[in-house]
Amino acid sequence: MSAPHRPAPDRADEAATLRVPSRARLLRSTARGCVGGLAATIGMTVYRIPVFRALPPTAEFWARYVSGGDVEQHFGPGLLLHVLYGVVGGFAYGLLASFLDVPDPDARERLSILGGLGYGLALSVFGSRIVFVRVLGRELQSEDALVFHVGHAVYGVTLGTFVATSEAAGEVYRESERTRPDTEKQRRGS
């Protein structure tokens, strides 16, 4: 998952800094955020559906504010709206990430994954406190709250990982400095 091995920067250059991104960096980061948001929403949904046994709250939102009728009739539109929210959330994360400049690729990955986790949990709190309570007039059942929050943690970690590891393309694996003896013999042609 790490970017290709690069020499560590000087200690003075290691600190993360905030800076206005170039247009190209902004576009790359928001595009990675959108695609990462899609991947993260799929991962969250795959985790969530078998254990939550309920439609995403977007199906209820769709039934209440868009078309009316029974929530069960709006699985498709609710799921599409859920994916759209995930992509928009990924766009916002990519936009925020574009302002952070971390020269060390390993530190960038760790920071993005932890930032993604925090972002996903913040979205979870927003969903449980604002969307459920204020918009839908419901409360998340205590036995379902864990699955809801862990699902958003899955979203955030996936999004943060995607944004960080998509920064650089290239070799995924690097040769280990600890080679097995039989591998060394094979290289020498023995």
N, C-alpha and C. Protein backbone atom coordinates (compact mmCIF):
# COMPACT_ATOMS: atom_id res chain seq x y z
N MET A 1 0.79 -1.18 0.00
CA MET A 1 0.00 0.00 0.00
C MET A 1 0.85 1.26 0.00
N SER A 2 2.07 1.15 0.41
CA SER A 2 2.94 2.32 0.47
C SER A 2 3.41 2.70 -0.91
N ALA A 3 3.75 3.96 -1.03
CA ALA A 3 4.35 4.45 -2.26
C ALA A 3 5.74 3.86 -2.38
N PRO A 4 6.35 3.92 -3.55
CA PRO A 4 7.70 3.39 -3.70
C PRO A 4 8.64 4.00 -2.65
N HIS A 5 9.61 3.20 -2.25
CA HIS A 5 10.54 3.65 -1.22
C HIS A 5 11.33 4.86 -1.71
N ARG A 6 11.32 5.89 -0.90
CA ARG A 6 12.06 7.10 -1.21
C ARG A 6 12.90 7.45 -0.01
N PRO A 7 14.02 8.11 -0.23
CA PRO A 7 14.81 8.52 0.92
C PRO A 7 14.03 9.51 1.77
N ALA A 8 14.24 9.42 3.07
CA ALA A 8 13.54 10.31 4.00
C ALA A 8 14.01 11.74 3.78
N PRO A 9 13.07 12.70 3.83
CA PRO A 9 13.48 14.09 3.66
C PRO A 9 14.22 14.58 4.90
N ASP A 10 14.88 15.72 4.76
CA ASP A 10 15.55 16.33 5.90
C ASP A 10 14.52 16.60 6.99
N ARG A 11 14.95 16.57 8.24
CA ARG A 11 14.06 16.80 9.37
C ARG A 11 13.31 18.13 9.26
N ALA A 12 13.93 19.13 8.72
CA ALA A 12 13.30 20.44 8.60
C ALA A 12 12.13 20.40 7.61
N ASP A 13 12.18 19.47 6.65
CA ASP A 13 11.14 19.39 5.62
C ASP A 13 10.01 18.44 5.98
N GLU A 14 10.09 17.72 7.09
CA GLU A 14 9.12 16.68 7.41
C GLU A 14 7.78 17.20 7.87
N ALA A 15 7.71 18.38 8.41
CA ALA A 15 6.47 18.88 8.98
C ALA A 15 5.41 19.10 7.90
N ALA A 16 4.18 18.78 8.27
CA ALA A 16 3.06 19.04 7.38
C ALA A 16 2.78 20.54 7.40
N THR A 17 2.50 21.08 6.24
CA THR A 17 2.18 22.50 6.18
C THR A 17 0.89 22.69 5.40
N LEU A 18 0.20 23.75 5.72
CA LEU A 18 -0.98 24.13 4.98
C LEU A 18 -0.56 25.11 3.89
N ARG A 19 -1.05 24.88 2.70
CA ARG A 19 -0.75 25.81 1.61
C ARG A 19 -1.87 25.75 0.59
N VAL A 20 -2.01 26.82 -0.15
CA VAL A 20 -3.00 26.85 -1.22
C VAL A 20 -2.49 25.95 -2.33
N PRO A 21 -3.29 24.96 -2.73
CA PRO A 21 -2.81 24.02 -3.75
C PRO A 21 -2.85 24.64 -5.15
N SER A 22 -2.01 24.09 -6.01
CA SER A 22 -2.08 24.49 -7.42
C SER A 22 -3.39 23.95 -8.00
N ARG A 23 -3.77 24.47 -9.12
CA ARG A 23 -5.01 24.02 -9.76
C ARG A 23 -4.94 22.52 -10.09
N ALA A 24 -3.79 22.08 -10.59
CA ALA A 24 -3.62 20.67 -10.94
C ALA A 24 -3.74 19.79 -9.70
N ARG A 25 -3.10 20.19 -8.61
CA ARG A 25 -3.17 19.41 -7.36
C ARG A 25 -4.60 19.38 -6.83
N LEU A 26 -5.29 20.50 -6.90
CA LEU A 26 -6.67 20.58 -6.45
C LEU A 26 -7.56 19.65 -7.26
N LEU A 27 -7.39 19.64 -8.58
CA LEU A 27 -8.19 18.76 -9.43
C LEU A 27 -7.88 17.29 -9.18
N ARG A 28 -6.57 16.96 -9.04
CA ARG A 28 -6.19 15.56 -8.76
C ARG A 28 -6.78 15.11 -7.43
N SER A 29 -6.65 15.95 -6.43
CA SER A 29 -7.09 15.57 -5.09
C SER A 29 -8.61 15.42 -5.02
N THR A 30 -9.35 16.33 -5.63
CA THR A 30 -10.81 16.21 -5.60
C THR A 30 -11.29 15.04 -6.45
N ALA A 31 -10.60 14.75 -7.56
CA ALA A 31 -10.96 13.58 -8.37
C ALA A 31 -10.71 12.30 -7.58
N ARG A 32 -9.54 12.22 -6.90
CA ARG A 32 -9.26 11.06 -6.05
C ARG A 32 -10.29 10.96 -4.93
N GLY A 33 -10.69 12.10 -4.39
CA GLY A 33 -11.71 12.10 -3.35
C GLY A 33 -13.04 11.56 -3.85
N CYS A 34 -13.44 11.97 -5.04
CA CYS A 34 -14.71 11.47 -5.61
C CYS A 34 -14.68 9.97 -5.83
N VAL A 35 -13.62 9.48 -6.46
CA VAL A 35 -13.51 8.04 -6.71
C VAL A 35 -13.34 7.30 -5.39
N GLY A 36 -12.54 7.86 -4.48
CA GLY A 36 -12.39 7.26 -3.15
C GLY A 36 -13.70 7.26 -2.39
N GLY A 37 -14.50 8.31 -2.53
CA GLY A 37 -15.82 8.36 -1.89
C GLY A 37 -16.74 7.28 -2.41
N LEU A 38 -16.66 7.02 -3.73
CA LEU A 38 -17.45 5.94 -4.31
C LEU A 38 -16.99 4.59 -3.75
N ALA A 39 -15.68 4.35 -3.77
CA ALA A 39 -15.15 3.08 -3.24
C ALA A 39 -15.47 2.93 -1.76
N ALA A 40 -15.35 4.02 -1.00
CA ALA A 40 -15.62 3.96 0.43
C ALA A 40 -17.10 3.72 0.72
N THR A 41 -17.97 4.31 -0.09
CA THR A 41 -19.41 4.09 0.09
C THR A 41 -19.78 2.65 -0.21
N ILE A 42 -19.16 2.09 -1.25
CA ILE A 42 -19.41 0.68 -1.55
C ILE A 42 -18.94 -0.19 -0.40
N GLY A 43 -17.73 0.08 0.11
CA GLY A 43 -17.22 -0.70 1.24
C GLY A 43 -18.10 -0.57 2.47
N MET A 44 -18.53 0.64 2.78
CA MET A 44 -19.40 0.86 3.93
C MET A 44 -20.73 0.13 3.75
N THR A 45 -21.27 0.19 2.56
CA THR A 45 -22.57 -0.43 2.30
C THR A 45 -22.47 -1.95 2.36
N VAL A 46 -21.39 -2.50 1.81
CA VAL A 46 -21.20 -3.95 1.87
C VAL A 46 -21.07 -4.40 3.32
N TYR A 47 -20.41 -3.61 4.15
CA TYR A 47 -20.32 -3.93 5.58
C TYR A 47 -21.69 -3.78 6.25
N ARG A 48 -22.38 -2.72 5.94
CA ARG A 48 -23.55 -2.30 6.68
C ARG A 48 -24.81 -3.12 6.40
N ILE A 49 -25.09 -3.41 5.15
CA ILE A 49 -26.38 -4.02 4.79
C ILE A 49 -26.62 -5.36 5.47
N PRO A 50 -25.67 -6.30 5.50
CA PRO A 50 -25.99 -7.59 6.14
C PRO A 50 -26.19 -7.49 7.66
N VAL A 51 -25.53 -6.55 8.32
CA VAL A 51 -25.65 -6.50 9.78
C VAL A 51 -26.64 -5.44 10.27
N PHE A 52 -26.94 -4.44 9.48
CA PHE A 52 -27.84 -3.37 9.90
C PHE A 52 -29.29 -3.73 9.65
N ARG A 53 -29.53 -4.51 8.62
CA ARG A 53 -30.87 -4.97 8.24
C ARG A 53 -31.86 -3.82 8.08
N ALA A 54 -31.40 -2.73 7.52
CA ALA A 54 -32.27 -1.58 7.26
C ALA A 54 -31.73 -0.82 6.05
N LEU A 55 -32.62 -0.14 5.40
CA LEU A 55 -32.21 0.68 4.26
C LEU A 55 -31.43 1.89 4.78
N PRO A 56 -30.57 2.46 3.94
CA PRO A 56 -29.90 3.69 4.35
C PRO A 56 -30.95 4.77 4.65
N PRO A 57 -30.63 5.72 5.53
CA PRO A 57 -31.61 6.76 5.84
C PRO A 57 -31.98 7.60 4.63
N THR A 58 -31.20 7.52 3.57
CA THR A 58 -31.52 8.27 2.36
C THR A 58 -32.80 7.75 1.69
N ALA A 59 -33.14 6.47 1.90
CA ALA A 59 -34.39 5.93 1.36
C ALA A 59 -35.57 6.58 2.07
N GLU A 60 -35.46 6.76 3.37
CA GLU A 60 -36.53 7.43 4.11
C GLU A 60 -36.60 8.91 3.73
N PHE A 61 -35.43 9.53 3.55
CA PHE A 61 -35.40 10.91 3.10
C PHE A 61 -36.12 11.04 1.76
N TRP A 62 -35.82 10.12 0.82
CA TRP A 62 -36.43 10.13 -0.50
C TRP A 62 -37.95 9.97 -0.39
N ALA A 63 -38.39 9.03 0.43
CA ALA A 63 -39.83 8.79 0.58
C ALA A 63 -40.52 9.99 1.22
N ARG A 64 -39.89 10.61 2.18
CA ARG A 64 -40.52 11.71 2.91
C ARG A 64 -40.52 13.02 2.13
N TYR A 65 -39.41 13.36 1.49
CA TYR A 65 -39.27 14.69 0.90
C TYR A 65 -39.33 14.75 -0.62
N VAL A 66 -39.22 13.60 -1.29
CA VAL A 66 -39.19 13.65 -2.76
C VAL A 66 -40.44 13.02 -3.36
N SER A 67 -40.71 11.76 -3.07
CA SER A 67 -41.78 11.09 -3.81
C SER A 67 -42.94 10.58 -2.97
N GLY A 68 -42.79 10.53 -1.67
CA GLY A 68 -43.86 9.99 -0.84
C GLY A 68 -43.91 8.47 -0.93
N GLY A 69 -44.83 7.89 -0.22
CA GLY A 69 -44.99 6.44 -0.25
C GLY A 69 -44.18 5.74 0.83
N ASP A 70 -44.17 4.42 0.75
CA ASP A 70 -43.50 3.58 1.73
C ASP A 70 -41.98 3.57 1.48
N VAL A 71 -41.21 3.61 2.55
CA VAL A 71 -39.75 3.61 2.46
C VAL A 71 -39.25 2.38 1.69
N GLU A 72 -39.87 1.24 1.92
CA GLU A 72 -39.45 -0.01 1.27
C GLU A 72 -39.52 0.07 -0.25
N GLN A 73 -40.35 0.96 -0.78
CA GLN A 73 -40.49 1.12 -2.23
C GLN A 73 -39.33 1.92 -2.83
N HIS A 74 -38.50 2.52 -2.00
CA HIS A 74 -37.49 3.45 -2.49
C HIS A 74 -36.06 2.97 -2.22
N PHE A 75 -35.86 1.66 -2.27
CA PHE A 75 -34.51 1.12 -2.06
C PHE A 75 -33.54 1.65 -3.11
N GLY A 76 -33.91 1.57 -4.38
CA GLY A 76 -33.02 2.01 -5.48
C GLY A 76 -32.67 3.49 -5.40
N PRO A 77 -33.67 4.38 -5.39
CA PRO A 77 -33.34 5.80 -5.28
C PRO A 77 -32.60 6.14 -3.98
N GLY A 78 -32.97 5.48 -2.89
CA GLY A 78 -32.29 5.73 -1.62
C GLY A 78 -30.83 5.30 -1.67
N LEU A 79 -30.57 4.17 -2.30
CA LEU A 79 -29.20 3.69 -2.43
C LEU A 79 -28.39 4.61 -3.35
N LEU A 80 -28.98 5.05 -4.45
CA LEU A 80 -28.29 5.99 -5.35
C LEU A 80 -27.99 7.32 -4.65
N LEU A 81 -28.94 7.80 -3.87
CA LEU A 81 -28.72 9.03 -3.12
C LEU A 81 -27.61 8.84 -2.08
N HIS A 82 -27.57 7.67 -1.47
CA HIS A 82 -26.53 7.34 -0.50
C HIS A 82 -25.15 7.35 -1.17
N VAL A 83 -25.06 6.77 -2.36
CA VAL A 83 -23.81 6.76 -3.12
C VAL A 83 -23.42 8.19 -3.51
N LEU A 84 -24.40 8.97 -3.94
CA LEU A 84 -24.13 10.36 -4.29
C LEU A 84 -23.59 11.14 -3.09
N TYR A 85 -24.19 10.94 -1.92
CA TYR A 85 -23.67 11.59 -0.70
C TYR A 85 -22.24 11.16 -0.43
N GLY A 86 -21.96 9.86 -0.63
CA GLY A 86 -20.60 9.36 -0.40
C GLY A 86 -19.58 9.97 -1.34
N VAL A 87 -19.97 10.14 -2.60
CA VAL A 87 -19.06 10.75 -3.59
C VAL A 87 -18.84 12.23 -3.25
N VAL A 88 -19.91 12.93 -2.89
CA VAL A 88 -19.78 14.34 -2.51
C VAL A 88 -18.93 14.47 -1.25
N GLY A 89 -19.12 13.55 -0.30
CA GLY A 89 -18.28 13.55 0.91
C GLY A 89 -16.83 13.30 0.57
N GLY A 90 -16.57 12.42 -0.40
CA GLY A 90 -15.20 12.17 -0.86
C GLY A 90 -14.61 13.38 -1.55
N PHE A 91 -15.42 14.09 -2.33
CA PHE A 91 -14.98 15.32 -2.97
C PHE A 91 -14.54 16.33 -1.90
N ALA A 92 -15.36 16.49 -0.86
CA ALA A 92 -15.04 17.44 0.20
C ALA A 92 -13.75 17.04 0.93
N TYR A 93 -13.57 15.73 1.18
CA TYR A 93 -12.34 15.28 1.83
C TYR A 93 -11.14 15.52 0.92
N GLY A 94 -11.28 15.22 -0.36
CA GLY A 94 -10.19 15.48 -1.31
C GLY A 94 -9.84 16.95 -1.37
N LEU A 95 -10.85 17.80 -1.33
CA LEU A 95 -10.63 19.24 -1.33
C LEU A 95 -9.83 19.65 -0.10
N LEU A 96 -10.25 19.18 1.07
CA LEU A 96 -9.52 19.49 2.30
C LEU A 96 -8.09 18.95 2.26
N ALA A 97 -7.94 17.72 1.77
CA ALA A 97 -6.61 17.08 1.72
C ALA A 97 -5.67 17.81 0.78
N SER A 98 -6.20 18.47 -0.22
CA SER A 98 -5.33 19.15 -1.18
C SER A 98 -4.58 20.33 -0.56
N PHE A 99 -5.07 20.85 0.55
CA PHE A 99 -4.43 21.98 1.21
C PHE A 99 -3.30 21.57 2.14
N LEU A 100 -3.21 20.27 2.43
CA LEU A 100 -2.18 19.79 3.34
C LEU A 100 -1.01 19.23 2.54
N ASP A 101 0.16 19.76 2.79
CA ASP A 101 1.36 19.34 2.08
C ASP A 101 2.26 18.57 3.05
N VAL A 102 2.37 17.27 2.82
CA VAL A 102 3.22 16.41 3.65
C VAL A 102 4.22 15.75 2.72
N PRO A 103 5.50 16.15 2.78
CA PRO A 103 6.48 15.62 1.83
C PRO A 103 6.82 14.15 2.03
N ASP A 104 6.78 13.65 3.25
CA ASP A 104 7.12 12.25 3.52
C ASP A 104 5.91 11.37 3.16
N PRO A 105 6.05 10.45 2.19
CA PRO A 105 4.90 9.65 1.75
C PRO A 105 4.32 8.76 2.85
N ASP A 106 5.16 8.21 3.72
CA ASP A 106 4.63 7.38 4.80
C ASP A 106 3.83 8.21 5.79
N ALA A 107 4.32 9.38 6.13
CA ALA A 107 3.59 10.27 7.03
C ALA A 107 2.30 10.75 6.38
N ARG A 108 2.34 11.02 5.07
CA ARG A 108 1.14 11.45 4.34
C ARG A 108 0.07 10.36 4.40
N GLU A 109 0.47 9.10 4.20
CA GLU A 109 -0.49 8.00 4.25
C GLU A 109 -1.09 7.86 5.64
N ARG A 110 -0.25 7.88 6.67
CA ARG A 110 -0.77 7.76 8.04
C ARG A 110 -1.71 8.90 8.37
N LEU A 111 -1.32 10.10 8.03
CA LEU A 111 -2.15 11.27 8.33
C LEU A 111 -3.48 11.21 7.58
N SER A 112 -3.44 10.79 6.33
CA SER A 112 -4.67 10.71 5.55
C SER A 112 -5.60 9.63 6.08
N ILE A 113 -5.05 8.50 6.50
CA ILE A 113 -5.90 7.43 7.04
C ILE A 113 -6.53 7.86 8.36
N LEU A 114 -5.73 8.46 9.24
CA LEU A 114 -6.27 8.94 10.51
C LEU A 114 -7.24 10.10 10.28
N GLY A 115 -6.91 10.99 9.35
CA GLY A 115 -7.82 12.08 9.01
C GLY A 115 -9.12 11.55 8.44
N GLY A 116 -9.02 10.52 7.59
CA GLY A 116 -10.22 9.90 7.03
C GLY A 116 -11.08 9.26 8.09
N LEU A 117 -10.44 8.61 9.06
CA LEU A 117 -11.19 8.01 10.17
C LEU A 117 -11.95 9.09 10.93
N GLY A 118 -11.26 10.18 11.27
CA GLY A 118 -11.91 11.28 11.97
C GLY A 118 -13.04 11.89 11.14
N TYR A 119 -12.81 12.03 9.84
CA TYR A 119 -13.82 12.58 8.94
C TYR A 119 -15.05 11.66 8.88
N GLY A 120 -14.81 10.36 8.75
CA GLY A 120 -15.92 9.41 8.72
C GLY A 120 -16.73 9.42 10.00
N LEU A 121 -16.03 9.50 11.14
CA LEU A 121 -16.75 9.54 12.41
C LEU A 121 -17.51 10.86 12.59
N ALA A 122 -16.94 11.96 12.08
CA ALA A 122 -17.66 13.25 12.12
C ALA A 122 -18.93 13.17 11.27
N LEU A 123 -18.84 12.53 10.09
CA LEU A 123 -20.03 12.33 9.26
C LEU A 123 -21.05 11.46 9.98
N SER A 124 -20.56 10.48 10.73
CA SER A 124 -21.45 9.60 11.47
C SER A 124 -22.20 10.36 12.56
N VAL A 125 -21.50 11.21 13.28
CA VAL A 125 -22.14 12.02 14.31
C VAL A 125 -23.16 12.96 13.67
N PHE A 126 -22.78 13.58 12.55
CA PHE A 126 -23.71 14.44 11.82
C PHE A 126 -24.96 13.65 11.41
N GLY A 127 -24.75 12.45 10.87
CA GLY A 127 -25.88 11.63 10.45
C GLY A 127 -26.79 11.22 11.58
N SER A 128 -26.19 10.83 12.71
CA SER A 128 -27.02 10.36 13.83
C SER A 128 -27.69 11.50 14.58
N ARG A 129 -27.05 12.66 14.65
CA ARG A 129 -27.61 13.79 15.42
C ARG A 129 -28.46 14.74 14.58
N ILE A 130 -28.06 14.95 13.34
CA ILE A 130 -28.77 15.92 12.50
C ILE A 130 -29.75 15.22 11.55
N VAL A 131 -29.23 14.30 10.73
CA VAL A 131 -30.09 13.67 9.73
C VAL A 131 -31.19 12.85 10.39
N PHE A 132 -30.82 11.95 11.29
CA PHE A 132 -31.83 11.11 11.92
C PHE A 132 -32.78 11.93 12.78
N VAL A 133 -32.25 12.73 13.68
CA VAL A 133 -33.10 13.40 14.68
C VAL A 133 -33.82 14.61 14.09
N ARG A 134 -33.07 15.52 13.49
CA ARG A 134 -33.69 16.78 13.05
C ARG A 134 -34.39 16.70 11.71
N VAL A 135 -33.81 15.97 10.76
CA VAL A 135 -34.39 15.92 9.42
C VAL A 135 -35.47 14.85 9.32
N LEU A 136 -35.19 13.66 9.87
CA LEU A 136 -36.13 12.54 9.74
C LEU A 136 -37.03 12.36 10.97
N GLY A 137 -36.70 13.05 12.07
CA GLY A 137 -37.53 12.94 13.27
C GLY A 137 -37.46 11.57 13.91
N ARG A 138 -36.34 10.90 13.80
CA ARG A 138 -36.15 9.56 14.37
C ARG A 138 -34.90 9.53 15.22
N GLU A 139 -34.77 8.46 15.96
CA GLU A 139 -33.52 8.23 16.70
C GLU A 139 -32.96 6.90 16.28
N LEU A 140 -31.65 6.85 16.22
CA LEU A 140 -30.97 5.61 15.89
C LEU A 140 -31.05 4.71 17.11
N GLN A 141 -31.53 3.48 16.92
CA GLN A 141 -31.63 2.52 18.03
C GLN A 141 -30.25 2.20 18.57
N SER A 142 -30.13 2.04 19.88
CA SER A 142 -28.81 1.84 20.49
C SER A 142 -28.10 0.60 19.94
N GLU A 143 -28.82 -0.47 19.65
CA GLU A 143 -28.17 -1.67 19.12
C GLU A 143 -27.69 -1.47 17.68
N ASP A 144 -28.28 -0.52 16.97
CA ASP A 144 -27.86 -0.24 15.60
C ASP A 144 -26.81 0.87 15.52
N ALA A 145 -26.64 1.62 16.59
CA ALA A 145 -25.70 2.75 16.58
C ALA A 145 -24.27 2.28 16.33
N LEU A 146 -23.88 1.17 16.94
CA LEU A 146 -22.51 0.67 16.74
C LEU A 146 -22.26 0.37 15.27
N VAL A 147 -23.19 -0.33 14.63
CA VAL A 147 -23.02 -0.67 13.22
C VAL A 147 -22.99 0.60 12.37
N PHE A 148 -23.83 1.56 12.69
CA PHE A 148 -23.86 2.83 11.96
C PHE A 148 -22.53 3.55 12.06
N HIS A 149 -21.99 3.65 13.27
CA HIS A 149 -20.73 4.37 13.48
C HIS A 149 -19.53 3.60 12.90
N VAL A 150 -19.51 2.29 13.07
CA VAL A 150 -18.41 1.50 12.49
C VAL A 150 -18.47 1.56 10.96
N GLY A 151 -19.67 1.55 10.40
CA GLY A 151 -19.81 1.69 8.94
C GLY A 151 -19.19 2.99 8.45
N HIS A 152 -19.40 4.07 9.18
CA HIS A 152 -18.80 5.35 8.80
C HIS A 152 -17.29 5.36 9.05
N ALA A 153 -16.84 4.61 10.05
CA ALA A 153 -15.39 4.47 10.25
C ALA A 153 -14.77 3.73 9.06
N VAL A 154 -15.46 2.69 8.57
CA VAL A 154 -15.00 1.96 7.38
C VAL A 154 -14.94 2.94 6.19
N TYR A 155 -15.97 3.76 6.05
CA TYR A 155 -15.98 4.77 4.98
C TYR A 155 -14.76 5.68 5.09
N GLY A 156 -14.52 6.22 6.28
CA GLY A 156 -13.44 7.18 6.46
C GLY A 156 -12.06 6.58 6.24
N VAL A 157 -11.83 5.39 6.79
CA VAL A 157 -10.52 4.74 6.62
C VAL A 157 -10.30 4.39 5.15
N THR A 158 -11.33 3.90 4.48
CA THR A 158 -11.22 3.57 3.07
C THR A 158 -10.94 4.82 2.25
N LEU A 159 -11.66 5.89 2.52
CA LEU A 159 -11.47 7.15 1.80
C LEU A 159 -10.07 7.71 2.04
N GLY A 160 -9.65 7.75 3.31
CA GLY A 160 -8.32 8.25 3.63
C GLY A 160 -7.22 7.43 2.99
N THR A 161 -7.37 6.11 2.98
CA THR A 161 -6.39 5.23 2.35
C THR A 161 -6.35 5.47 0.85
N PHE A 162 -7.52 5.58 0.24
CA PHE A 162 -7.58 5.77 -1.21
C PHE A 162 -6.94 7.09 -1.61
N VAL A 163 -7.26 8.15 -0.91
CA VAL A 163 -6.71 9.46 -1.25
C VAL A 163 -5.19 9.47 -1.06
N ALA A 164 -4.71 8.88 0.02
CA ALA A 164 -3.27 8.89 0.31
C ALA A 164 -2.48 8.00 -0.65
N THR A 165 -2.96 6.80 -0.89
CA THR A 165 -2.17 5.87 -1.69
C THR A 165 -2.32 6.11 -3.17
N SER A 166 -3.27 6.89 -3.58
CA SER A 166 -3.40 7.23 -4.99
C SER A 166 -2.54 8.42 -5.36
N GLU A 167 -1.85 8.96 -4.39
CA GLU A 167 -1.00 10.14 -4.62
C GLU A 167 0.10 9.84 -5.64
N ALA A 168 0.72 8.68 -5.53
CA ALA A 168 1.83 8.35 -6.42
C ALA A 168 1.57 7.00 -7.09
N ALA A 169 1.82 6.95 -8.36
CA ALA A 169 1.70 5.69 -9.08
C ALA A 169 3.09 5.07 -9.19
N GLY A 170 3.15 3.80 -9.38
CA GLY A 170 4.45 3.16 -9.56
C GLY A 170 4.48 1.80 -8.92
N GLU A 171 5.67 1.37 -8.56
CA GLU A 171 5.86 0.07 -7.96
C GLU A 171 5.10 -0.03 -6.64
N VAL A 172 4.39 -1.11 -6.47
CA VAL A 172 3.65 -1.33 -5.24
C VAL A 172 4.53 -2.04 -4.22
N TYR A 173 5.31 -2.99 -4.69
CA TYR A 173 6.18 -3.76 -3.80
C TYR A 173 7.62 -3.38 -4.06
N ARG A 174 8.39 -3.38 -3.02
CA ARG A 174 9.82 -3.14 -3.20
C ARG A 174 10.57 -4.35 -2.67
N GLU A 175 11.76 -4.52 -3.16
CA GLU A 175 12.55 -5.67 -2.76
C GLU A 175 12.96 -5.52 -1.30
N SER A 176 12.83 -6.59 -0.59
CA SER A 176 13.20 -6.58 0.82
C SER A 176 14.72 -6.65 0.97
N GLU A 177 15.19 -5.98 1.99
CA GLU A 177 16.63 -6.07 2.28
C GLU A 177 16.96 -7.41 2.93
N ARG A 178 15.93 -8.09 3.40
CA ARG A 178 16.12 -9.42 3.99
C ARG A 178 15.69 -10.47 2.98
N THR A 179 16.58 -10.84 2.09
CA THR A 179 16.25 -11.84 1.09
C THR A 179 16.52 -13.23 1.64
N ARG A 180 15.72 -14.15 1.18
CA ARG A 180 15.91 -15.54 1.59
C ARG A 180 17.16 -16.08 0.90
N PRO A 181 17.88 -17.00 1.54
CA PRO A 181 19.10 -17.55 0.93
C PRO A 181 18.84 -18.21 -0.42
N ASP A 182 17.71 -18.93 -0.56
CA ASP A 182 17.46 -19.60 -1.84
C ASP A 182 17.18 -18.59 -2.95
N THR A 183 16.61 -17.44 -2.63
CA THR A 183 16.39 -16.42 -3.62
C THR A 183 17.70 -15.83 -4.10
N GLU A 184 18.63 -15.62 -3.19
CA GLU A 184 19.94 -15.08 -3.56
C GLU A 184 20.68 -16.06 -4.48
N LYS A 185 20.59 -17.35 -4.20
CA LYS A 185 21.23 -18.35 -5.06
C LYS A 185 20.63 -18.35 -6.45
N GLN A 186 19.33 -18.19 -6.53
CA GLN A 186 18.66 -18.17 -7.82
C GLN A 186 19.10 -16.96 -8.64
N ARG A 187 19.31 -15.85 -7.99
CA ARG A 187 19.75 -14.66 -8.70
C ARG A 187 21.16 -14.84 -9.28
N ARG A 188 21.99 -15.53 -8.57
CA ARG A 188 23.36 -15.73 -9.04
C ARG A 188 23.43 -16.83 -10.10
N GLY A 189 22.32 -17.51 -10.34
CA GLY A 189 22.31 -18.55 -11.36
C GLY A 189 22.81 -19.89 -10.86
N SER A 190 22.83 -20.10 -9.57
CA SER A 190 23.34 -21.36 -9.01
C SER A 190 22.35 -22.46 -9.19
